[in-house]
Amino acid sequence: MWEWLAKYWLEALFGAIIAAGGALLKRTIKRQKAIENGVQDLLRLEILDNYERSKQEGKISVARKDAIDSAYQSYHALGGNGTITRVHEEIMQMPII
């Protein structure tokens, strides 16, 4: 074993570095996906909450409409689904205060 390490120490070192880097990359990708999913969930809740509030009032302010549109664009970029797209379209058709 020691003879092999003495002869191939550089290859063994690079192999260990690559293995450690691969494990770190896999963990980082998994964590990034969890963060993206969490942000998407929060945006969905924010859009739906504002939708319900505006629907009850029967109208929407320009500021709220802009904020919802911005949240929707971010939500959609994160891979949002058609349900929120339909909600967004309905919000954009609401009369402005």
PDB file of N, CA and C in Angstrom:
ATOM      1  N   MET A   1       0.829  -1.193   0.000  1.00  0.00           N
ATOM      2  CA  MET A   1       0.000   0.000   0.000  1.00  0.00           C
ATOM      3  C   MET A   1       0.868   1.250   0.000  1.00  0.00           C
ATOM      4  N   TRP A   2       1.877   1.289   0.896  1.00  0.00           N
ATOM      5  CA  TRP A   2       2.732   2.473   0.969  1.00  0.00           C
ATOM      6  C   TRP A   2       3.565   2.638  -0.291  1.00  0.00           C
ATOM      7  N   GLU A   3       3.946   1.522  -0.868  1.00  0.00           N
ATOM      8  CA  GLU A   3       4.704   1.588  -2.115  1.00  0.00           C
ATOM      9  C   GLU A   3       3.841   2.188  -3.228  1.00  0.00           C
ATOM     10  N   TRP A   4       2.591   1.761  -3.248  1.00  0.00           N
ATOM     11  CA  TRP A   4       1.668   2.260  -4.259  1.00  0.00           C
ATOM     12  C   TRP A   4       1.460   3.765  -4.063  1.00  0.00           C
ATOM     13  N   LEU A   5       1.259   4.191  -2.797  1.00  0.00           N
ATOM     14  CA  LEU A   5       1.076   5.618  -2.515  1.00  0.00           C
ATOM     15  C   LEU A   5       2.318   6.416  -2.884  1.00  0.00           C
ATOM     16  N   ALA A   6       3.492   5.871  -2.591  1.00  0.00           N
ATOM     17  CA  ALA A   6       4.722   6.575  -2.930  1.00  0.00           C
ATOM     18  C   ALA A   6       4.837   6.745  -4.437  1.00  0.00           C
ATOM     19  N   LYS A   7       4.401   5.737  -5.178  1.00  0.00           N
ATOM     20  CA  LYS A   7       4.524   5.768  -6.628  1.00  0.00           C
ATOM     21  C   LYS A   7       3.430   6.617  -7.279  1.00  0.00           C
ATOM     22  N   TYR A   8       2.219   6.527  -6.724  1.00  0.00           N
ATOM     23  CA  TYR A   8       1.069   7.191  -7.328  1.00  0.00           C
ATOM     24  C   TYR A   8       0.443   8.246  -6.415  1.00  0.00           C
ATOM     25  N   TRP A   9       1.218   8.894  -5.579  1.00  0.00           N
ATOM     26  CA  TRP A   9       0.676   9.831  -4.601  1.00  0.00           C
ATOM     27  C   TRP A   9      -0.084  10.984  -5.257  1.00  0.00           C
ATOM     28  N   LEU A  10       0.411  11.456  -6.372  1.00  0.00           N
ATOM     29  CA  LEU A  10      -0.244  12.585  -7.027  1.00  0.00           C
ATOM     30  C   LEU A  10      -1.622  12.191  -7.568  1.00  0.00           C
ATOM     31  N   GLU A  11      -1.705  11.017  -8.180  1.00  0.00           N
ATOM     32  CA  GLU A  11      -2.990  10.533  -8.677  1.00  0.00           C
ATOM     33  C   GLU A  11      -3.969  10.294  -7.533  1.00  0.00           C
ATOM     34  N   ALA A  12      -3.462   9.740  -6.439  1.00  0.00           N
ATOM     35  CA  ALA A  12      -4.317   9.485  -5.272  1.00  0.00           C
ATOM     36  C   ALA A  12      -4.811  10.800  -4.677  1.00  0.00           C
ATOM     37  N   LEU A  13      -3.935  11.784  -4.612  1.00  0.00           N
ATOM     38  CA  LEU A  13      -4.312  13.095  -4.085  1.00  0.00           C
ATOM     39  C   LEU A  13      -5.386  13.742  -4.953  1.00  0.00           C
ATOM     40  N   PHE A  14      -5.184  13.751  -6.250  1.00  0.00           N
ATOM     41  CA  PHE A  14      -6.185  14.324  -7.145  1.00  0.00           C
ATOM     42  C   PHE A  14      -7.498  13.556  -7.088  1.00  0.00           C
ATOM     43  N   GLY A  15      -7.428  12.256  -6.977  1.00  0.00           N
ATOM     44  CA  GLY A  15      -8.646  11.445  -6.848  1.00  0.00           C
ATOM     45  C   GLY A  15      -9.428  11.805  -5.604  1.00  0.00           C
ATOM     46  N   ALA A  16      -8.711  11.986  -4.495  1.00  0.00           N
ATOM     47  CA  ALA A  16      -9.378  12.359  -3.243  1.00  0.00           C
ATOM     48  C   ALA A  16      -9.992  13.756  -3.350  1.00  0.00           C
ATOM     49  N   ILE A  17      -9.267  14.667  -3.965  1.00  0.00           N
ATOM     50  CA  ILE A  17      -9.779  16.036  -4.133  1.00  0.00           C
ATOM     51  C   ILE A  17     -11.030  16.034  -5.014  1.00  0.00           C
ATOM     52  N   ILE A  18     -10.990  15.294  -6.087  1.00  0.00           N
ATOM     53  CA  ILE A  18     -12.141  15.222  -6.993  1.00  0.00           C
ATOM     54  C   ILE A  18     -13.339  14.589  -6.300  1.00  0.00           C
ATOM     55  N   ALA A  19     -13.103  13.532  -5.519  1.00  0.00           N
ATOM     56  CA  ALA A  19     -14.201  12.875  -4.794  1.00  0.00           C
ATOM     57  C   ALA A  19     -14.822  13.837  -3.776  1.00  0.00           C
ATOM     58  N   ALA A  20     -13.985  14.556  -3.052  1.00  0.00           N
ATOM     59  CA  ALA A  20     -14.493  15.516  -2.066  1.00  0.00           C
ATOM     60  C   ALA A  20     -15.237  16.652  -2.756  1.00  0.00           C
ATOM     61  N   GLY A  21     -14.695  17.126  -3.864  1.00  0.00           N
ATOM     62  CA  GLY A  21     -15.349  18.202  -4.614  1.00  0.00           C
ATOM     63  C   GLY A  21     -16.690  17.755  -5.174  1.00  0.00           C
ATOM     64  N   GLY A  22     -16.759  16.513  -5.633  1.00  0.00           N
ATOM     65  CA  GLY A  22     -18.016  15.985  -6.159  1.00  0.00           C
ATOM     66  C   GLY A  22     -19.082  15.899  -5.081  1.00  0.00           C
ATOM     67  N   ALA A  23     -18.689  15.443  -3.894  1.00  0.00           N
ATOM     68  CA  ALA A  23     -19.637  15.360  -2.779  1.00  0.00           C
ATOM     69  C   ALA A  23     -20.116  16.752  -2.372  1.00  0.00           C
ATOM     70  N   LEU A  24     -19.202  17.711  -2.337  1.00  0.00           N
ATOM     71  CA  LEU A  24     -19.568  19.086  -1.991  1.00  0.00           C
ATOM     72  C   LEU A  24     -20.499  19.683  -3.039  1.00  0.00           C
ATOM     73  N   LEU A  25     -20.216  19.439  -4.301  1.00  0.00           N
ATOM     74  CA  LEU A  25     -21.062  19.949  -5.379  1.00  0.00           C
ATOM     75  C   LEU A  25     -22.464  19.352  -5.296  1.00  0.00           C
ATOM     76  N   LYS A  26     -22.551  18.067  -5.040  1.00  0.00           N
ATOM     77  CA  LYS A  26     -23.857  17.405  -4.927  1.00  0.00           C
ATOM     78  C   LYS A  26     -24.668  17.995  -3.775  1.00  0.00           C
ATOM     79  N   ARG A  27     -24.019  18.216  -2.644  1.00  0.00           N
ATOM     80  CA  ARG A  27     -24.697  18.803  -1.482  1.00  0.00           C
ATOM     81  C   ARG A  27     -25.126  20.246  -1.765  1.00  0.00           C
ATOM     82  N   THR A  28     -24.276  20.993  -2.470  1.00  0.00           N
ATOM     83  CA  THR A  28     -24.589  22.384  -2.805  1.00  0.00           C
ATOM     84  C   THR A  28     -25.780  22.457  -3.758  1.00  0.00           C
ATOM     85  N   ILE A  29     -25.812  21.572  -4.745  1.00  0.00           N
ATOM     86  CA  ILE A  29     -26.925  21.550  -5.696  1.00  0.00           C
ATOM     87  C   ILE A  29     -28.227  21.199  -4.989  1.00  0.00           C
ATOM     88  N   LYS A  30     -28.178  20.237  -4.094  1.00  0.00           N
ATOM     89  CA  LYS A  30     -29.376  19.842  -3.339  1.00  0.00           C
ATOM     90  C   LYS A  30     -29.879  20.995  -2.478  1.00  0.00           C
ATOM     91  N   ARG A  31     -28.957  21.688  -1.831  1.00  0.00           N
ATOM     92  CA  ARG A  31     -29.339  22.828  -0.988  1.00  0.00           C
ATOM     93  C   ARG A  31     -29.900  23.971  -1.830  1.00  0.00           C
ATOM     94  N   GLN A  32     -29.290  24.238  -2.968  1.00  0.00           N
ATOM     95  CA  GLN A  32     -29.766  25.300  -3.856  1.00  0.00           C
ATOM     96  C   GLN A  32     -31.183  25.011  -4.333  1.00  0.00           C
ATOM     97  N   LYS A  33     -31.465  23.765  -4.677  1.00  0.00           N
ATOM     98  CA  LYS A  33     -32.805  23.384  -5.125  1.00  0.00           C
ATOM     99  C   LYS A  33     -33.821  23.579  -4.000  1.00  0.00           C
ATOM    100  N   ALA A  34     -33.434  23.239  -2.776  1.00  0.00           N
ATOM    101  CA  ALA A  34     -34.334  23.436  -1.630  1.00  0.00           C
ATOM    102  C   ALA A  34     -34.621  24.926  -1.416  1.00  0.00           C
ATOM    103  N   ILE A  35     -33.610  25.761  -1.572  1.00  0.00           N
ATOM    104  CA  ILE A  35     -33.802  27.209  -1.434  1.00  0.00           C
ATOM    105  C   ILE A  35     -34.738  27.724  -2.525  1.00  0.00           C
ATOM    106  N   GLU A  36     -34.528  27.290  -3.758  1.00  0.00           N
ATOM    107  CA  GLU A  36     -35.396  27.701  -4.860  1.00  0.00           C
ATOM    108  C   GLU A  36     -36.837  27.280  -4.622  1.00  0.00           C
ATOM    109  N   ASN A  37     -37.033  26.060  -4.150  1.00  0.00           N
ATOM    110  CA  ASN A  37     -38.390  25.585  -3.858  1.00  0.00           C
ATOM    111  C   ASN A  37     -39.036  26.401  -2.745  1.00  0.00           C
ATOM    112  N   GLY A  38     -38.259  26.730  -1.721  1.00  0.00           N
ATOM    113  CA  GLY A  38     -38.787  27.538  -0.627  1.00  0.00           C
ATOM    114  C   GLY A  38     -39.182  28.931  -1.076  1.00  0.00           C
ATOM    115  N   VAL A  39     -38.343  29.558  -1.879  1.00  0.00           N
ATOM    116  CA  VAL A  39     -38.656  30.892  -2.395  1.00  0.00           C
ATOM    117  C   VAL A  39     -39.899  30.832  -3.285  1.00  0.00           C
ATOM    118  N   GLN A  40     -39.979  29.802  -4.108  1.00  0.00           N
ATOM    119  CA  GLN A  40     -41.149  29.642  -4.975  1.00  0.00           C
ATOM    120  C   GLN A  40     -42.415  29.482  -4.139  1.00  0.00           C
ATOM    121  N   ASP A  41     -42.351  28.705  -3.077  1.00  0.00           N
ATOM    122  CA  ASP A  41     -43.512  28.537  -2.197  1.00  0.00           C
ATOM    123  C   ASP A  41     -43.922  29.856  -1.548  1.00  0.00           C
ATOM    124  N   LEU A  42     -42.942  30.631  -1.088  1.00  0.00           N
ATOM    125  CA  LEU A  42     -43.249  31.927  -0.472  1.00  0.00           C
ATOM    126  C   LEU A  42     -43.869  32.895  -1.482  1.00  0.00           C
ATOM    127  N   LEU A  43     -43.349  32.904  -2.702  1.00  0.00           N
ATOM    128  CA  LEU A  43     -43.923  33.764  -3.740  1.00  0.00           C
ATOM    129  C   LEU A  43     -45.354  33.350  -4.056  1.00  0.00           C
ATOM    130  N   ARG A  44     -45.586  32.049  -4.131  1.00  0.00           N
ATOM    131  CA  ARG A  44     -46.939  31.543  -4.399  1.00  0.00           C
ATOM    132  C   ARG A  44     -47.906  32.013  -3.313  1.00  0.00           C
ATOM    133  N   LEU A  45     -47.510  31.877  -2.061  1.00  0.00           N
ATOM    134  CA  LEU A  45     -48.362  32.315  -0.953  1.00  0.00           C
ATOM    135  C   LEU A  45     -48.627  33.820  -1.006  1.00  0.00           C
ATOM    136  N   GLU A  46     -47.591  34.591  -1.325  1.00  0.00           N
ATOM    137  CA  GLU A  46     -47.741  36.046  -1.406  1.00  0.00           C
ATOM    138  C   GLU A  46     -48.700  36.436  -2.529  1.00  0.00           C
ATOM    139  N   ILE A  47     -48.570  35.796  -3.674  1.00  0.00           N
ATOM    140  CA  ILE A  47     -49.453  36.093  -4.797  1.00  0.00           C
ATOM    141  C   ILE A  47     -50.892  35.725  -4.449  1.00  0.00           C
ATOM    142  N   LEU A  48     -51.087  34.541  -3.895  1.00  0.00           N
ATOM    143  CA  LEU A  48     -52.441  34.102  -3.541  1.00  0.00           C
ATOM    144  C   LEU A  48     -53.063  34.985  -2.457  1.00  0.00           C
ATOM    145  N   ASP A  49     -52.272  35.388  -1.467  1.00  0.00           N
ATOM    146  CA  ASP A  49     -52.774  36.258  -0.395  1.00  0.00           C
ATOM    147  C   ASP A  49     -53.220  37.603  -0.966  1.00  0.00           C
ATOM    148  N   ASN A  50     -52.399  38.181  -1.812  1.00  0.00           N
ATOM    149  CA  ASN A  50     -52.763  39.459  -2.429  1.00  0.00           C
ATOM    150  C   ASN A  50     -53.944  39.313  -3.373  1.00  0.00           C
ATOM    151  N   TYR A  51     -54.037  38.193  -4.039  1.00  0.00           N
ATOM    152  CA  TYR A  51     -55.175  37.925  -4.915  1.00  0.00           C
ATOM    153  C   TYR A  51     -56.472  37.892  -4.109  1.00  0.00           C
ATOM    154  N   GLU A  52     -56.467  37.141  -3.018  1.00  0.00           N
ATOM    155  CA  GLU A  52     -57.667  37.046  -2.177  1.00  0.00           C
ATOM    156  C   GLU A  52     -58.058  38.410  -1.617  1.00  0.00           C
ATOM    157  N   ARG A  53     -57.077  39.166  -1.146  1.00  0.00           N
ATOM    158  CA  ARG A  53     -57.344  40.493  -0.585  1.00  0.00           C
ATOM    159  C   ARG A  53     -57.920  41.423  -1.642  1.00  0.00           C
ATOM    160  N   SER A  54     -57.338  41.412  -2.815  1.00  0.00           N
ATOM    161  CA  SER A  54     -57.811  42.286  -3.890  1.00  0.00           C
ATOM    162  C   SER A  54     -59.177  41.849  -4.402  1.00  0.00           C
ATOM    163  N   LYS A  55     -59.405  40.557  -4.445  1.00  0.00           N
ATOM    164  CA  LYS A  55     -60.694  40.045  -4.908  1.00  0.00           C
ATOM    165  C   LYS A  55     -61.808  40.474  -3.947  1.00  0.00           C
ATOM    166  N   GLN A  56     -61.539  40.435  -2.651  1.00  0.00           N
ATOM    167  CA  GLN A  56     -62.533  40.862  -1.660  1.00  0.00           C
ATOM    168  C   GLN A  56     -62.839  42.350  -1.805  1.00  0.00           C
ATOM    169  N   GLU A  57     -61.797  43.125  -2.073  1.00  0.00           N
ATOM    170  CA  GLU A  57     -61.982  44.564  -2.232  1.00  0.00           C
ATOM    171  C   GLU A  57     -62.604  44.901  -3.591  1.00  0.00           C
ATOM    172  N   GLY A  58     -62.464  44.018  -4.554  1.00  0.00           N
ATOM    173  CA  GLY A  58     -63.008  44.248  -5.891  1.00  0.00           C
ATOM    174  C   GLY A  58     -62.178  45.189  -6.741  1.00  0.00           C
ATOM    175  N   LYS A  59     -61.034  45.551  -6.260  1.00  0.00           N
ATOM    176  CA  LYS A  59     -60.140  46.453  -6.981  1.00  0.00           C
ATOM    177  C   LYS A  59     -58.734  46.264  -6.452  1.00  0.00           C
ATOM    178  N   ILE A  60     -57.773  46.905  -7.129  1.00  0.00           N
ATOM    179  CA  ILE A  60     -56.371  46.732  -6.752  1.00  0.00           C
ATOM    180  C   ILE A  60     -55.626  48.038  -6.991  1.00  0.00           C
ATOM    181  N   SER A  61     -54.659  48.316  -6.146  1.00  0.00           N
ATOM    182  CA  SER A  61     -53.843  49.518  -6.341  1.00  0.00           C
ATOM    183  C   SER A  61     -52.750  49.229  -7.366  1.00  0.00           C
ATOM    184  N   VAL A  62     -52.235  50.291  -7.949  1.00  0.00           N
ATOM    185  CA  VAL A  62     -51.163  50.151  -8.929  1.00  0.00           C
ATOM    186  C   VAL A  62     -49.936  49.522  -8.262  1.00  0.00           C
ATOM    187  N   ALA A  63     -49.624  49.956  -7.051  1.00  0.00           N
ATOM    188  CA  ALA A  63     -48.452  49.424  -6.342  1.00  0.00           C
ATOM    189  C   ALA A  63     -48.602  47.929  -6.079  1.00  0.00           C
ATOM    190  N   ARG A  64     -49.789  47.522  -5.639  1.00  0.00           N
ATOM    191  CA  ARG A  64     -50.005  46.095  -5.365  1.00  0.00           C
ATOM    192  C   ARG A  64     -49.944  45.290  -6.662  1.00  0.00           C
ATOM    193  N   LYS A  65     -50.513  45.846  -7.707  1.00  0.00           N
ATOM    194  CA  LYS A  65     -50.492  45.157  -9.002  1.00  0.00           C
ATOM    195  C   LYS A  65     -49.049  44.979  -9.486  1.00  0.00           C
ATOM    196  N   ASP A  66     -48.248  46.021  -9.365  1.00  0.00           N
ATOM    197  CA  ASP A  66     -46.833  45.934  -9.762  1.00  0.00           C
ATOM    198  C   ASP A  66     -46.079  44.921  -8.905  1.00  0.00           C
ATOM    199  N   ALA A  67     -46.349  44.922  -7.608  1.00  0.00           N
ATOM    200  CA  ALA A  67     -45.667  43.981  -6.711  1.00  0.00           C
ATOM    201  C   ALA A  67     -46.050  42.538  -7.040  1.00  0.00           C
ATOM    202  N   ILE A  68     -47.317  42.319  -7.323  1.00  0.00           N
ATOM    203  CA  ILE A  68     -47.772  40.970  -7.687  1.00  0.00           C
ATOM    204  C   ILE A  68     -47.154  40.549  -9.011  1.00  0.00           C
ATOM    205  N   ASP A  69     -47.098  41.466  -9.961  1.00  0.00           N
ATOM    206  CA  ASP A  69     -46.511  41.139 -11.260  1.00  0.00           C
ATOM    207  C   ASP A  69     -45.033  40.778 -11.099  1.00  0.00           C
ATOM    208  N   SER A  70     -44.314  41.531 -10.298  1.00  0.00           N
ATOM    209  CA  SER A  70     -42.901  41.246 -10.049  1.00  0.00           C
ATOM    210  C   SER A  70     -42.725  39.882  -9.368  1.00  0.00           C
ATOM    211  N   ALA A  71     -43.559  39.605  -8.370  1.00  0.00           N
ATOM    212  CA  ALA A  71     -43.503  38.310  -7.687  1.00  0.00           C
ATOM    213  C   ALA A  71     -43.818  37.180  -8.659  1.00  0.00           C
ATOM    214  N   TYR A  72     -44.793  37.406  -9.530  1.00  0.00           N
ATOM    215  CA  TYR A  72     -45.154  36.380 -10.513  1.00  0.00           C
ATOM    216  C   TYR A  72     -44.000  36.103 -11.468  1.00  0.00           C
ATOM    217  N   GLN A  73     -43.329  37.142 -11.936  1.00  0.00           N
ATOM    218  CA  GLN A  73     -42.205  36.942 -12.852  1.00  0.00           C
ATOM    219  C   GLN A  73     -41.114  36.092 -12.200  1.00  0.00           C
ATOM    220  N   SER A  74     -40.828  36.359 -10.940  1.00  0.00           N
ATOM    221  CA  SER A  74     -39.839  35.560 -10.210  1.00  0.00           C
ATOM    222  C   SER A  74     -40.334  34.140 -10.018  1.00  0.00           C
ATOM    223  N   TYR A  75     -41.604  34.004  -9.631  1.00  0.00           N
ATOM    224  CA  TYR A  75     -42.215  32.688  -9.443  1.00  0.00           C
ATOM    225  C   TYR A  75     -42.139  31.874 -10.729  1.00  0.00           C
ATOM    226  N   HIS A  76     -42.498  32.491 -11.833  1.00  0.00           N
ATOM    227  CA  HIS A  76     -42.489  31.813 -13.128  1.00  0.00           C
ATOM    228  C   HIS A  76     -41.064  31.400 -13.525  1.00  0.00           C
ATOM    229  N   ALA A  77     -40.089  32.274 -13.268  1.00  0.00           N
ATOM    230  CA  ALA A  77     -38.687  31.968 -13.586  1.00  0.00           C
ATOM    231  C   ALA A  77     -38.182  30.767 -12.782  1.00  0.00           C
ATOM    232  N   LEU A  78     -38.760  30.547 -11.607  1.00  0.00           N
ATOM    233  CA  LEU A  78     -38.381  29.399 -10.777  1.00  0.00           C
ATOM    234  C   LEU A  78     -39.141  28.134 -11.165  1.00  0.00           C
ATOM    235  N   GLY A  79     -39.947  28.208 -12.209  1.00  0.00           N
ATOM    236  CA  GLY A  79     -40.650  27.021 -12.687  1.00  0.00           C
ATOM    237  C   GLY A  79     -42.071  26.909 -12.197  1.00  0.00           C
ATOM    238  N   GLY A  80     -42.717  28.038 -11.943  1.00  0.00           N
ATOM    239  CA  GLY A  80     -44.093  28.038 -11.459  1.00  0.00           C
ATOM    240  C   GLY A  80     -45.057  27.354 -12.403  1.00  0.00           C
ATOM    241  N   ASN A  81     -46.225  26.993 -11.867  1.00  0.00           N
ATOM    242  CA  ASN A  81     -47.198  26.233 -12.663  1.00  0.00           C
ATOM    243  C   ASN A  81     -48.327  27.109 -13.194  1.00  0.00           C
ATOM    244  N   GLY A  82     -49.277  26.479 -13.871  1.00  0.00           N
ATOM    245  CA  GLY A  82     -50.363  27.188 -14.519  1.00  0.00           C
ATOM    246  C   GLY A  82     -51.392  27.781 -13.586  1.00  0.00           C
ATOM    247  N   THR A  83     -51.531  27.248 -12.387  1.00  0.00           N
ATOM    248  CA  THR A  83     -52.524  27.776 -11.445  1.00  0.00           C
ATOM    249  C   THR A  83     -52.245  29.236 -11.136  1.00  0.00           C
ATOM    250  N   ILE A  84     -51.023  29.544 -10.794  1.00  0.00           N
ATOM    251  CA  ILE A  84     -50.667  30.926 -10.458  1.00  0.00           C
ATOM    252  C   ILE A  84     -50.686  31.791 -11.712  1.00  0.00           C
ATOM    253  N   THR A  85     -50.434  31.220 -12.864  1.00  0.00           N
ATOM    254  CA  THR A  85     -50.535  31.980 -14.114  1.00  0.00           C
ATOM    255  C   THR A  85     -51.965  32.458 -14.305  1.00  0.00           C
ATOM    256  N   ARG A  86     -52.928  31.591 -14.064  1.00  0.00           N
ATOM    257  CA  ARG A  86     -54.339  31.993 -14.191  1.00  0.00           C
ATOM    258  C   ARG A  86     -54.687  33.057 -13.145  1.00  0.00           C
ATOM    259  N   VAL A  87     -54.198  32.903 -11.939  1.00  0.00           N
ATOM    260  CA  VAL A  87     -54.442  33.896 -10.887  1.00  0.00           C
ATOM    261  C   VAL A  87     -53.827  35.232 -11.301  1.00  0.00           C
ATOM    262  N   HIS A  88     -52.607  35.194 -11.813  1.00  0.00           N
ATOM    263  CA  HIS A  88     -51.918  36.406 -12.259  1.00  0.00           C
ATOM    264  C   HIS A  88     -52.715  37.104 -13.350  1.00  0.00           C
ATOM    265  N   GLU A  89     -53.200  36.344 -14.320  1.00  0.00           N
ATOM    266  CA  GLU A  89     -53.986  36.932 -15.406  1.00  0.00           C
ATOM    267  C   GLU A  89     -55.249  37.603 -14.867  1.00  0.00           C
ATOM    268  N   GLU A  90     -55.887  36.977 -13.893  1.00  0.00           N
ATOM    269  CA  GLU A  90     -57.087  37.572 -13.297  1.00  0.00           C
ATOM    270  C   GLU A  90     -56.758  38.846 -12.541  1.00  0.00           C
ATOM    271  N   ILE A  91     -55.643  38.842 -11.834  1.00  0.00           N
ATOM    272  CA  ILE A  91     -55.204  40.035 -11.098  1.00  0.00           C
ATOM    273  C   ILE A  91     -54.943  41.181 -12.072  1.00  0.00           C
ATOM    274  N   MET A  92     -54.276  40.886 -13.165  1.00  0.00           N
ATOM    275  CA  MET A  92     -53.939  41.927 -14.129  1.00  0.00           C
ATOM    276  C   MET A  92     -55.183  42.534 -14.784  1.00  0.00           C
ATOM    277  N   GLN A  93     -56.311  41.837 -14.749  1.00  0.00           N
ATOM    278  CA  GLN A  93     -57.567  42.344 -15.307  1.00  0.00           C
ATOM    279  C   GLN A  93     -58.406  43.121 -14.295  1.00  0.00           C
ATOM    280  N   MET A  94     -58.014  43.092 -13.025  1.00  0.00           N
ATOM    281  CA  MET A  94     -58.808  43.780 -11.983  1.00  0.00           C
ATOM    282  C   MET A  94     -58.754  45.294 -12.189  1.00  0.00           C
ATOM    283  N   PRO A  95     -59.858  45.955 -11.836  1.00  0.00           N
ATOM    284  CA  PRO A  95     -59.866  47.413 -11.937  1.00  0.00           C
ATOM    285  C   PRO A  95     -58.925  48.047 -10.914  1.00  0.00           C
ATOM    286  N   ILE A  96     -58.264  49.100 -11.338  1.00  0.00           N
ATOM    287  CA  ILE A  96     -57.298  49.791 -10.473  1.00  0.00           C
ATOM    288  C   ILE A  96     -58.009  50.849  -9.654  1.00  0.00           C
ATOM    289  N   ILE A  97     -57.591  50.992  -8.409  1.00  0.00           N
ATOM    290  CA  ILE A  97     -58.177  51.996  -7.498  1.00  0.00           C
ATOM    291  C   ILE A  97     -57.904  53.380  -8.065  1.00  0.00           C
TER     292      ILE A  97
END
